């Protein structure tokens, strides 16, 4: 399907160098280029809508990650166990790609504060911890962007809304850290499933993770709100639980910026997921996120995180639909 050519009301941050040099791997390293090309081919975006990021500085990375870990990454001195835990093969080129993704999220956050929304066509590496990488994630670009915005006094508070199928364990470890009493949120009526909701504590960053409970990672540090979804949740139930989590989170916390991690892997055909959302349901998820943020005048920075559909074209479609949803939500006053 083609759309009329018109400049987007927001910017898309992208680089061909987002490509992760990891060889044959379940993570589709070429998906960023494919999303970029599809957005142009379908005329959802035009070349002037794209901005090219600069890599984050080491000082930026050190706002989140430990000096010891950064030194190991810069000098290629990870232990075999540390590299195995990261689940992608180390190389200096890979370090540069992750530094660039972090720079892209910093740029996207800055443009979100200016335009109401900003996209990083990449990033969302939510399994990275301060002192090690996990689950295809070397550096936590979203956390780096938040801490950079706070350091520059552009924001004081932020909220992460993580809709990847996998729990945002790195995000929780960085920003929450303390397990609190698990008082359940009020349930949403009419749900066929009964996900468990766990509450943690929040400081200057409030973290929400909506994920499949019986999936990676085995250990899930507490987010401010965790929605532990049972296997096989479909569109309607998922959207109800997301709406419930957003409503509860925004009653408790007033963010200056929302960082939306728009994973494509809740899709029913995803190789690493066990939920049952359709492509249409995932677009409704995005529409809900943007509608809530815009109604409250909260800027949104978007990153893409995971997506491992059996057909790469499906992952590309899901990611492009997130841009379409934003165009529809932010395209008119």
Protein backbone atom coordinates (compact mmCIF):
# COMPACT_ATOMS: atom_id res chain seq x y z
CA UNK A 1 0.00 0.00 0.00
CA UNK A 2 1.26 3.49 -0.83
CA UNK A 3 0.51 6.71 1.00
CA UNK A 4 0.71 10.26 -0.21
CA UNK A 5 4.16 11.79 0.05
CA UNK A 6 4.18 14.31 2.87
CA UNK A 7 6.80 15.26 5.40
CA UNK A 8 6.28 13.59 8.75
CA UNK A 9 5.54 15.86 11.73
CA UNK A 10 8.47 14.24 13.55
CA UNK A 11 11.95 12.93 12.82
CA UNK A 12 13.25 9.41 12.25
CA UNK A 13 16.80 8.77 13.45
CA UNK A 14 18.57 6.12 11.37
CA UNK A 15 21.97 5.02 10.10
CA UNK A 16 23.01 2.22 7.77
CA UNK A 17 25.65 1.53 10.42
CA UNK A 18 22.95 0.31 12.83
CA UNK A 19 23.54 -3.06 11.15
CA UNK A 20 24.89 -5.45 13.79
CA UNK A 21 27.85 -7.51 12.49
CA UNK A 22 26.80 -10.76 14.15
CA UNK A 23 26.75 -13.20 11.22
CA UNK A 24 23.97 -15.75 10.88
CA UNK A 25 21.78 -15.18 13.91
CA UNK A 26 18.13 -15.25 15.00
CA UNK A 27 18.35 -11.48 15.47
CA UNK A 28 17.66 -10.06 11.97
CA UNK A 29 20.49 -7.52 11.76
CA UNK A 30 19.29 -6.20 8.42
CA UNK A 31 15.83 -5.24 9.71
CA UNK A 32 16.77 -1.60 10.33
CA UNK A 33 17.76 -1.06 6.70
CA UNK A 34 14.65 -2.91 5.55
CA UNK A 35 12.41 -0.68 7.69
CA UNK A 36 14.14 2.44 6.36
CA UNK A 37 13.73 1.28 2.77
CA UNK A 38 10.08 0.25 3.23
CA UNK A 39 9.18 3.61 4.75
CA UNK A 40 10.61 5.33 1.67
CA UNK A 41 9.17 2.87 -0.86
CA UNK A 42 5.65 3.17 0.54
CA UNK A 43 5.99 6.95 0.84
CA UNK A 44 5.19 6.90 4.54
CA UNK A 45 8.37 8.96 4.88
CA UNK A 46 10.64 10.93 2.59
CA UNK A 47 14.42 11.29 2.76
CA UNK A 48 14.24 14.62 4.60
CA UNK A 49 12.39 12.92 7.48
CA UNK A 50 15.54 10.97 8.41
CA UNK A 51 18.39 12.21 10.58
CA UNK A 52 21.78 10.54 10.93
CA UNK A 53 23.03 10.17 14.51
CA UNK A 54 26.50 10.50 15.94
CA UNK A 55 27.76 7.82 18.33
CA UNK A 56 27.21 8.44 22.01
CA UNK A 57 30.31 9.60 23.81
CA UNK A 58 32.01 7.39 26.36
CA UNK A 59 30.92 9.95 28.95
CA UNK A 60 27.31 9.37 27.90
CA UNK A 61 27.67 5.59 28.19
CA UNK A 62 29.24 5.97 31.63
CA UNK A 63 26.09 7.68 32.88
CA UNK A 64 24.63 4.15 33.01
CA UNK A 65 27.39 1.56 32.61
CA UNK A 66 30.32 0.85 34.90
CA UNK A 67 33.84 1.98 33.99
CA UNK A 68 35.06 -1.62 34.23
CA UNK A 69 32.47 -2.88 31.74
CA UNK A 70 33.02 0.00 29.32
CA UNK A 71 36.78 -0.63 29.47
CA UNK A 72 36.25 -4.31 28.62
CA UNK A 73 34.08 -3.39 25.66
CA UNK A 74 36.52 -0.78 24.35
CA UNK A 75 39.55 -3.07 24.73
CA UNK A 76 38.00 -6.40 23.74
CA UNK A 77 38.67 -8.01 27.11
CA UNK A 78 35.28 -9.56 27.91
CA UNK A 79 35.59 -13.00 29.44
CA UNK A 80 34.19 -15.96 27.48
CA UNK A 81 31.36 -16.15 30.04
CA UNK A 82 30.52 -12.46 29.58
CA UNK A 83 30.45 -12.84 25.81
CA UNK A 84 28.31 -15.97 26.06
CA UNK A 85 25.85 -14.15 28.33
CA UNK A 86 25.53 -11.39 25.71
CA UNK A 87 24.62 -14.04 23.09
CA UNK A 88 26.16 -12.11 20.20
CA UNK A 89 29.78 -12.37 19.04
CA UNK A 90 31.99 -9.55 20.26
CA UNK A 91 33.82 -7.34 17.79
CA UNK A 92 35.04 -3.72 17.78
CA UNK A 93 32.55 -3.11 14.95
CA UNK A 94 29.74 -4.32 17.20
CA UNK A 95 30.82 -1.89 19.93
CA UNK A 96 30.65 0.96 17.42
CA UNK A 97 27.15 -0.11 16.33
CA UNK A 98 25.88 -0.07 19.92
CA UNK A 99 27.50 3.30 20.67
CA UNK A 100 25.77 4.60 17.54
CA UNK A 101 22.40 3.16 18.61
CA UNK A 102 22.78 4.95 21.95
CA UNK A 103 23.57 8.17 20.11
CA UNK A 104 20.45 7.62 18.05
CA UNK A 105 18.29 7.28 21.14
CA UNK A 106 19.80 10.44 22.63
CA UNK A 107 18.96 12.28 19.39
CA UNK A 108 15.45 10.81 19.24
CA UNK A 109 14.79 11.83 22.86
CA UNK A 110 15.88 15.38 22.12
CA UNK A 111 13.59 15.59 19.12
CA UNK A 112 10.72 14.07 21.11
CA UNK A 113 10.99 16.96 23.56
CA UNK A 114 10.90 19.38 20.62
CA UNK A 115 8.25 17.78 18.38
CA UNK A 116 6.21 15.67 20.79
CA UNK A 117 7.58 12.40 19.40
CA UNK A 118 10.91 11.16 18.08
CA UNK A 119 11.87 7.78 16.62
CA UNK A 120 15.07 5.82 16.76
CA UNK A 121 14.80 3.25 13.94
CA UNK A 122 16.84 0.93 16.13
CA UNK A 123 17.76 0.69 19.79
CA UNK A 124 15.59 -0.60 22.61
CA UNK A 125 18.36 -2.84 23.98
CA UNK A 126 16.60 -3.39 27.29
CA UNK A 127 18.49 -6.46 28.56
CA UNK A 128 21.81 -4.64 29.12
CA UNK A 129 22.81 -4.15 32.78
CA UNK A 130 25.25 -1.57 34.15
CA UNK A 131 28.06 -4.11 34.34
CA UNK A 132 27.28 -6.70 31.67
CA UNK A 133 25.27 -7.43 28.54
CA UNK A 134 22.52 -10.01 28.08
CA UNK A 135 20.07 -11.19 25.47
CA UNK A 136 21.58 -9.59 22.32
CA UNK A 137 22.05 -6.30 24.23
CA UNK A 138 25.47 -4.77 24.90
CA UNK A 139 24.53 -1.21 25.92
CA UNK A 140 21.20 0.07 27.28
CA UNK A 141 20.60 2.91 24.82
CA UNK A 142 17.25 3.95 26.37
CA UNK A 143 18.76 4.35 29.83
CA UNK A 144 21.68 6.30 28.36
CA UNK A 145 19.26 8.66 26.59
CA UNK A 146 17.25 9.22 29.78
CA UNK A 147 20.30 9.91 31.89
CA UNK A 148 21.71 12.26 29.22
CA UNK A 149 18.42 14.22 29.11
CA UNK A 150 18.46 14.42 32.90
CA UNK A 151 22.11 15.44 33.04
CA UNK A 152 21.41 18.24 30.56
CA UNK A 153 18.39 19.25 32.68
CA UNK A 154 16.01 18.80 29.76
CA UNK A 155 13.87 16.46 31.87
CA UNK A 156 13.60 15.51 35.51
CA UNK A 157 11.44 12.39 35.26
CA UNK A 158 10.87 9.69 32.65
CA UNK A 159 8.71 6.61 32.17
CA UNK A 160 9.66 3.53 30.18
CA UNK A 161 6.81 1.55 28.62
CA UNK A 162 8.26 -1.75 27.45
CA UNK A 163 6.05 -3.75 25.08
CA UNK A 164 8.66 -6.25 23.97
CA UNK A 165 7.57 -9.86 24.57
CA UNK A 166 10.55 -10.26 26.93
CA UNK A 167 10.77 -8.63 30.34
CA UNK A 168 12.90 -5.48 30.50
CA UNK A 169 15.28 -6.87 33.10
CA UNK A 170 18.11 -4.44 32.38
CA UNK A 171 15.76 -1.47 32.59
CA UNK A 172 14.39 -2.68 35.93
CA UNK A 173 17.86 -3.29 37.34
CA UNK A 174 19.09 0.16 36.29
CA UNK A 175 16.12 2.24 37.41
CA UNK A 176 14.16 0.35 40.07
CA UNK A 177 16.32 -2.12 41.89
CA UNK A 178 14.23 -2.54 45.05
CA UNK A 179 11.50 -5.14 45.29
CA UNK A 180 8.44 -3.84 47.12
CA UNK A 181 5.34 -5.58 48.42
CA UNK A 182 3.45 -7.07 45.49
CA UNK A 183 0.15 -5.28 45.94
CA UNK A 184 -1.88 -6.07 42.82
CA UNK A 185 -3.37 -3.32 40.70
CA UNK A 186 -7.13 -3.21 40.27
CA UNK A 187 -8.05 -5.79 37.65
CA UNK A 188 -9.62 -4.88 34.34
CA UNK A 189 -13.09 -6.36 34.00
CA UNK A 190 -13.94 -8.67 31.13
CA UNK A 191 -10.50 -10.24 30.71
CA UNK A 192 -10.36 -13.90 29.85
CA UNK A 193 -6.83 -14.27 31.20
CA UNK A 194 -5.44 -13.37 34.60
CA UNK A 195 -1.90 -12.00 34.27
CA UNK A 196 0.01 -11.35 37.44
CA UNK A 197 0.88 -7.73 38.14
CA UNK A 198 3.82 -6.92 40.37
CA UNK A 199 4.56 -3.46 41.75
CA UNK A 200 8.02 -2.21 42.58
CA UNK A 201 9.26 1.25 43.50
CA UNK A 202 10.17 4.21 41.30
CA UNK A 203 12.57 7.10 41.79
CA UNK A 204 13.01 9.58 38.94
CA UNK A 205 12.21 6.89 36.33
CA UNK A 206 9.03 4.81 36.39
CA UNK A 207 9.30 1.50 34.54
CA UNK A 208 6.45 -0.51 33.03
CA UNK A 209 7.05 -3.92 31.45
CA UNK A 210 4.27 -5.85 29.69
CA UNK A 211 5.72 -9.24 28.78
CA UNK A 212 5.17 -12.99 28.53
CA UNK A 213 5.84 -14.47 31.97
CA UNK A 214 7.06 -17.86 30.74
CA UNK A 215 9.84 -16.52 28.59
CA UNK A 216 13.34 -15.06 28.76
CA UNK A 217 14.79 -13.92 31.12
CA UNK A 218 14.39 -16.52 33.85
CA UNK A 219 15.09 -13.93 36.55
CA UNK A 220 12.96 -10.79 36.30
CA UNK A 221 13.96 -7.92 38.59
CA UNK A 222 10.96 -5.82 39.60
CA UNK A 223 9.89 -2.94 37.41
CA UNK A 224 7.66 -0.22 38.86
CA UNK A 225 4.82 -2.16 37.21
CA UNK A 226 5.29 -5.65 35.77
CA UNK A 227 2.44 -7.28 33.86
CA UNK A 228 3.31 -11.00 33.66
CA UNK A 229 1.17 -12.24 30.77
CA UNK A 230 0.29 -15.92 30.34
CA UNK A 231 1.08 -17.72 27.11
CA UNK A 232 -1.17 -17.10 24.15
CA UNK A 233 -2.67 -13.70 25.08
CA UNK A 234 -4.34 -12.15 22.02
CA UNK A 235 -5.10 -8.63 20.84
CA UNK A 236 -8.07 -7.70 23.03
CA UNK A 237 -6.67 -8.95 26.33
CA UNK A 238 -3.25 -7.45 25.63
CA UNK A 239 -4.70 -4.03 24.82
CA UNK A 240 -6.83 -4.09 27.97
CA UNK A 241 -3.82 -4.87 30.15
CA UNK A 242 -1.70 -2.21 28.47
CA UNK A 243 -4.46 0.36 29.00
CA UNK A 244 -4.71 -0.71 32.63
CA UNK A 245 -0.94 -0.46 33.20
CA UNK A 246 -0.70 2.96 31.54
CA UNK A 247 -3.66 4.30 33.52
CA UNK A 248 -2.23 3.03 36.79
CA UNK A 249 1.30 4.24 36.04
CA UNK A 250 0.17 7.72 35.04
CA UNK A 251 -1.96 8.01 38.16
CA UNK A 252 1.14 7.34 40.25
CA UNK A 253 3.80 9.21 38.31
CA UNK A 254 4.17 12.33 36.13
CA UNK A 255 6.88 11.80 33.52
CA UNK A 256 8.48 14.56 31.45
CA UNK A 257 9.22 11.94 28.77
CA UNK A 258 7.90 8.48 27.90
CA UNK A 259 10.35 6.04 26.32
CA UNK A 260 8.28 3.50 24.39
CA UNK A 261 10.03 0.22 23.60
CA UNK A 262 7.88 -1.02 20.72
CA UNK A 263 8.98 -4.62 20.32
CA UNK A 264 7.57 -6.54 17.36
CA UNK A 265 7.89 -9.90 19.10
CA UNK A 266 4.46 -10.20 20.80
CA UNK A 267 3.41 -11.20 17.24
CA UNK A 268 1.81 -14.62 16.94
CA UNK A 269 4.37 -15.76 14.34
CA UNK A 270 7.44 -14.69 16.32
CA UNK A 271 10.11 -17.36 16.79
CA UNK A 272 11.09 -16.21 20.30
CA UNK A 273 7.66 -15.26 21.60
CA UNK A 274 4.61 -17.07 22.88
CA UNK A 275 1.91 -14.42 22.71
CA UNK A 276 -0.69 -14.25 19.95
CA UNK A 277 -1.02 -10.66 18.76
CA UNK A 278 -1.84 -9.99 15.12
CA UNK A 279 -0.19 -7.35 12.97
CA UNK A 280 -3.35 -5.30 13.29
CA UNK A 281 -3.41 -5.75 17.04
CA UNK A 282 0.17 -4.52 17.33
CA UNK A 283 -0.73 -1.37 15.41
CA UNK A 284 -3.64 -0.82 17.82
CA UNK A 285 -1.12 -1.20 20.66
CA UNK A 286 0.94 1.61 19.14
CA UNK A 287 -2.15 3.75 18.56
CA UNK A 288 -3.14 3.34 22.22
CA UNK A 289 0.32 4.32 23.43
CA UNK A 290 0.43 7.44 21.25
CA UNK A 291 -3.16 8.44 21.99
CA UNK A 292 -2.56 8.30 25.74
CA UNK A 293 0.71 10.24 25.50
CA UNK A 294 -0.69 12.93 23.23
CA UNK A 295 -3.84 13.39 25.31
CA UNK A 296 -1.60 14.17 28.29
CA UNK A 297 0.96 16.20 26.31
CA UNK A 298 3.78 13.87 27.28
CA UNK A 299 6.59 13.61 24.68
CA UNK A 300 7.39 10.09 23.46
CA UNK A 301 10.71 8.65 22.32
CA UNK A 302 10.30 5.37 20.39
CA UNK A 303 12.77 2.52 19.99
CA UNK A 304 12.23 -0.85 18.32
CA UNK A 305 13.76 -3.65 20.43
CA UNK A 306 13.03 -7.26 19.34
CA UNK A 307 11.27 -8.86 16.42
CA UNK A 308 11.99 -12.38 15.19
CA UNK A 309 9.05 -13.28 12.96
CA UNK A 310 9.39 -16.35 10.77
CA UNK A 311 8.97 -13.97 7.84
CA UNK A 312 11.24 -10.94 8.16
CA UNK A 313 8.71 -8.98 6.10
CA UNK A 314 6.22 -9.30 8.96
CA UNK A 315 8.67 -7.76 11.43
CA UNK A 316 9.35 -4.94 8.98
CA UNK A 317 5.61 -4.34 8.57
CA UNK A 318 5.06 -4.21 12.34
CA UNK A 319 7.87 -1.67 12.79
CA UNK A 320 6.66 0.46 9.86
CA UNK A 321 3.15 0.39 11.30
CA UNK A 322 4.50 2.00 14.47
CA UNK A 323 5.58 4.98 12.36
CA UNK A 324 2.17 5.00 10.64
CA UNK A 325 0.40 4.99 14.00
CA UNK A 326 2.49 7.95 15.12
CA UNK A 327 1.83 9.78 11.85
CA UNK A 328 -1.90 9.34 12.39
CA UNK A 329 -1.74 10.38 16.05
CA UNK A 330 0.57 13.38 15.67
CA UNK A 331 -0.24 14.44 12.12
CA UNK A 332 -2.97 16.92 13.01
CA UNK A 333 -3.54 19.41 15.83
